[in-house]
Amino acid sequence: MRSTSISLLIGTTLVALASAIKFDIRGAPHDDPFLTRRCFSQYVPKDTKVLVTAHIGEGYNQRIDCSIYEDGDKPNVFAKNRNIKDDYTSAFDTLQDGEINICFVNVLNEGFVPSTDLYRAVEMEVSIGAEAKTIEEVTKNKHLPNLEEQTRVLEAMVDDILNEMNYLKDREAKLRNTNGM
């Protein structure tokens, strides 16, 4: 019974720190590539490791471009890649609290007209915090971590969750005090 609850806790923790999405993106005309742009945003605190991975499906005479940037007082561009083939990975540390935006554009080669047949499938996963650090290290070393390393990773994830909960608790107290005045 105890191992079941530990497995459930571990599974819940992993789901909370990563988000994945799969979508199709239609081809846009060469002269207006932003017509079918798909953007996704996620709030990320300052000095947090972010890892974005994407798998791009096959597409005839189409080009996938990706840009990753953060809004805020000082907008920052983390990545801007053209003609992504197959798999794409980008890791970076945020510079300020705020939204990071991940945008994809599917541009048709010159002379091709948009149709329902011209689209590309994209599978994207965004990992934040301790999980992003771990995945980046594993992919660099190309080996699976042993049980001790996995335990340390889970411990770091739990620390991230506790820090976030304490931050939210402090904010709630400040808002309550402001409201009561």
Protein backbone atom coordinates (compact mmCIF):
# COMPACT_ATOMS: atom_id res chain seq x y z
CA MET A 1 0.00 0.00 0.00
CA ARG A 2 2.82 2.41 0.89
CA SER A 3 4.61 1.93 -2.46
CA THR A 4 1.36 2.72 -4.29
CA SER A 5 1.01 6.06 -2.48
CA ILE A 6 4.68 6.88 -3.13
CA SER A 7 4.22 6.08 -6.84
CA LEU A 8 1.12 8.27 -6.92
CA LEU A 9 3.03 11.15 -5.26
CA ILE A 10 5.92 10.78 -7.71
CA GLY A 11 3.55 10.68 -10.70
CA THR A 12 1.63 13.71 -9.48
CA THR A 13 4.88 15.63 -8.93
CA LEU A 14 6.11 14.87 -12.45
CA VAL A 15 2.83 15.95 -14.01
CA ALA A 16 2.87 19.23 -12.10
CA LEU A 17 6.28 20.31 -13.41
CA ALA A 18 6.00 19.50 -17.10
CA SER A 19 3.40 20.29 -19.69
CA ALA A 20 3.04 18.70 -23.10
CA ILE A 21 0.86 19.52 -26.06
CA LYS A 22 0.30 18.06 -29.52
CA PHE A 23 -1.21 20.11 -32.34
CA ASP A 24 -1.37 20.50 -36.10
CA ILE A 25 -0.34 23.75 -37.73
CA ARG A 26 -1.62 24.66 -41.19
CA GLY A 27 0.71 25.99 -43.83
CA ALA A 28 0.70 29.75 -44.29
CA PRO A 29 1.42 31.51 -47.58
CA HIS A 30 5.01 32.56 -48.15
CA ASP A 31 4.07 36.26 -48.24
CA ASP A 32 2.06 36.16 -44.94
CA PRO A 33 3.74 33.55 -42.67
CA PHE A 34 2.08 34.76 -39.45
CA LEU A 35 -1.39 33.94 -40.73
CA THR A 36 -1.43 30.56 -38.98
CA ARG A 37 1.06 31.22 -36.15
CA ARG A 38 0.47 29.17 -32.98
CA CYS A 39 1.78 30.58 -29.70
CA PHE A 40 1.75 29.15 -26.18
CA SER A 41 2.68 30.97 -23.00
CA GLN A 42 3.66 29.92 -19.51
CA TYR A 43 4.43 32.01 -16.42
CA VAL A 44 7.95 31.29 -15.13
CA PRO A 45 9.73 32.99 -12.20
CA LYS A 46 13.10 34.71 -12.56
CA ASP A 47 16.29 32.58 -12.73
CA THR A 48 14.43 29.37 -13.54
CA LYS A 49 15.72 26.73 -15.96
CA VAL A 50 13.33 26.04 -18.86
CA LEU A 51 13.67 23.23 -21.40
CA VAL A 52 11.52 23.23 -24.55
CA THR A 53 11.53 20.14 -26.74
CA ALA A 54 9.51 19.64 -29.90
CA HIS A 55 9.12 16.88 -32.45
CA ILE A 56 8.05 18.11 -35.89
CA GLY A 57 6.13 15.77 -38.21
CA GLU A 58 6.71 15.33 -41.93
CA GLY A 59 5.52 18.00 -44.36
CA TYR A 60 6.00 18.44 -48.07
CA ASN A 61 7.32 21.90 -49.16
CA GLN A 62 6.78 23.40 -45.72
CA ARG A 63 9.14 25.08 -43.25
CA ILE A 64 8.59 25.26 -39.48
CA ASP A 65 10.04 28.29 -37.66
CA CYS A 66 10.10 28.67 -33.88
CA SER A 67 10.71 31.65 -31.62
CA ILE A 68 10.90 31.69 -27.83
CA TYR A 69 10.81 34.97 -25.95
CA GLU A 70 9.70 36.47 -22.66
CA ASP A 71 7.51 39.50 -22.15
CA GLY A 72 8.08 41.94 -19.35
CA ASP A 73 9.91 45.14 -18.55
CA LYS A 74 12.76 44.08 -20.84
CA PRO A 75 11.62 41.64 -23.57
CA ASN A 76 14.21 38.91 -24.19
CA VAL A 77 14.52 36.51 -27.14
CA PHE A 78 15.86 33.10 -26.10
CA ALA A 79 15.64 31.31 -29.44
CA LYS A 80 14.73 32.05 -33.03
CA ASN A 81 15.16 29.08 -35.36
CA ARG A 82 14.17 28.64 -39.00
CA ASN A 83 13.46 25.47 -40.93
CA ILE A 84 13.36 23.05 -38.00
CA LYS A 85 13.62 19.43 -39.06
CA ASP A 86 12.51 16.48 -36.90
CA ASP A 87 13.50 17.28 -33.29
CA TYR A 88 14.18 20.64 -31.63
CA THR A 89 15.51 21.40 -28.14
CA SER A 90 16.15 24.72 -26.44
CA ALA A 91 17.29 25.23 -22.83
CA PHE A 92 17.64 28.60 -21.12
CA ASP A 93 17.34 30.44 -17.80
CA THR A 94 14.70 33.14 -17.45
CA LEU A 95 15.95 36.67 -16.73
CA GLN A 96 12.82 38.07 -15.06
CA ASP A 97 9.45 37.02 -13.66
CA GLY A 98 6.88 36.78 -16.43
CA GLU A 99 5.43 34.92 -19.35
CA ILE A 100 7.59 32.99 -21.78
CA ASN A 101 6.06 32.63 -25.23
CA ILE A 102 6.75 29.76 -27.59
CA CYS A 103 5.55 30.42 -31.15
CA PHE A 104 5.52 28.17 -34.22
CA VAL A 105 4.92 29.18 -37.83
CA ASN A 106 4.48 26.80 -40.77
CA VAL A 107 5.54 28.59 -43.95
CA LEU A 108 4.77 27.13 -47.36
CA ASN A 109 7.44 27.32 -50.03
CA GLU A 110 6.89 29.93 -52.70
CA GLY A 111 4.23 29.00 -55.23
CA PHE A 112 2.22 26.74 -52.89
CA VAL A 113 -1.34 27.69 -51.95
CA PRO A 114 -2.69 26.88 -48.46
CA SER A 115 -5.02 23.91 -48.28
CA THR A 116 -6.27 21.48 -45.65
CA ASP A 117 -3.73 18.91 -46.91
CA LEU A 118 -0.73 21.13 -46.09
CA TYR A 119 -0.09 20.97 -42.34
CA ARG A 120 2.56 19.71 -39.93
CA ALA A 121 2.08 17.90 -36.64
CA VAL A 122 4.01 19.29 -33.66
CA GLU A 123 4.52 17.62 -30.28
CA MET A 124 5.91 20.08 -27.73
CA GLU A 125 6.93 19.60 -24.11
CA VAL A 126 7.95 22.34 -21.68
CA SER A 127 9.88 21.40 -18.53
CA ILE A 128 10.49 23.96 -15.80
CA GLY A 129 12.77 24.07 -12.76
CA ALA A 130 14.42 20.95 -11.36
CA GLU A 131 12.90 18.70 -14.02
CA ALA A 132 14.37 20.83 -16.81
CA LYS A 133 17.82 20.62 -15.20
CA THR A 134 17.56 16.86 -14.86
CA ILE A 135 16.36 16.24 -18.41
CA GLU A 136 19.12 18.47 -19.78
CA GLU A 137 21.78 16.56 -17.80
CA VAL A 138 20.41 13.17 -18.87
CA THR A 139 20.33 14.13 -22.55
CA LYS A 140 23.88 15.48 -22.34
CA ASN A 141 25.21 12.31 -20.74
CA LYS A 142 23.01 9.96 -22.81
CA HIS A 143 22.44 7.57 -19.92
CA LEU A 144 19.63 6.88 -17.49
CA PRO A 145 20.20 7.98 -13.90
CA ASN A 146 20.40 5.34 -11.17
CA LEU A 147 17.99 5.15 -8.25
CA GLU A 148 20.01 7.54 -6.06
CA GLU A 149 20.08 10.20 -8.81
CA GLN A 150 16.34 9.78 -9.39
CA THR A 151 15.72 10.24 -5.66
CA ARG A 152 17.77 13.46 -5.66
CA VAL A 153 15.81 14.71 -8.66
CA LEU A 154 12.50 14.02 -6.91
CA GLU A 155 13.81 15.74 -3.79
CA ALA A 156 14.70 18.83 -5.85
CA MET A 157 11.23 18.78 -7.43
CA VAL A 158 9.57 18.58 -4.02
CA ASP A 159 11.75 21.50 -2.83
CA ASP A 160 10.58 23.52 -5.85
CA ILE A 161 6.96 22.76 -5.00
CA LEU A 162 7.46 23.70 -1.34
CA ASN A 163 9.16 26.96 -2.32
CA GLU A 164 6.27 27.79 -4.65
CA MET A 165 3.72 26.96 -1.93
CA ASN A 166 5.56 29.19 0.58
CA TYR A 167 5.66 32.01 -1.98
CA LEU A 168 1.90 31.67 -2.59
CA LYS A 169 1.25 31.54 1.17
CA ASP A 170 3.20 34.79 1.68
CA ARG A 171 1.36 36.48 -1.20
CA GLU A 172 -1.98 35.37 0.18
CA ALA A 173 -1.07 36.82 3.60
CA LYS A 174 0.00 40.15 2.04
CA LEU A 175 -3.23 40.35 0.03
CA ARG A 176 -5.30 39.50 3.11
CA ASN A 177 -3.56 42.24 5.11
CA THR A 178 -4.03 44.75 2.28
CA ASN A 179 -7.69 43.82 1.97
CA GLY A 180 -8.29 44.16 5.72
CA MET A 181 -7.04 47.74 5.90
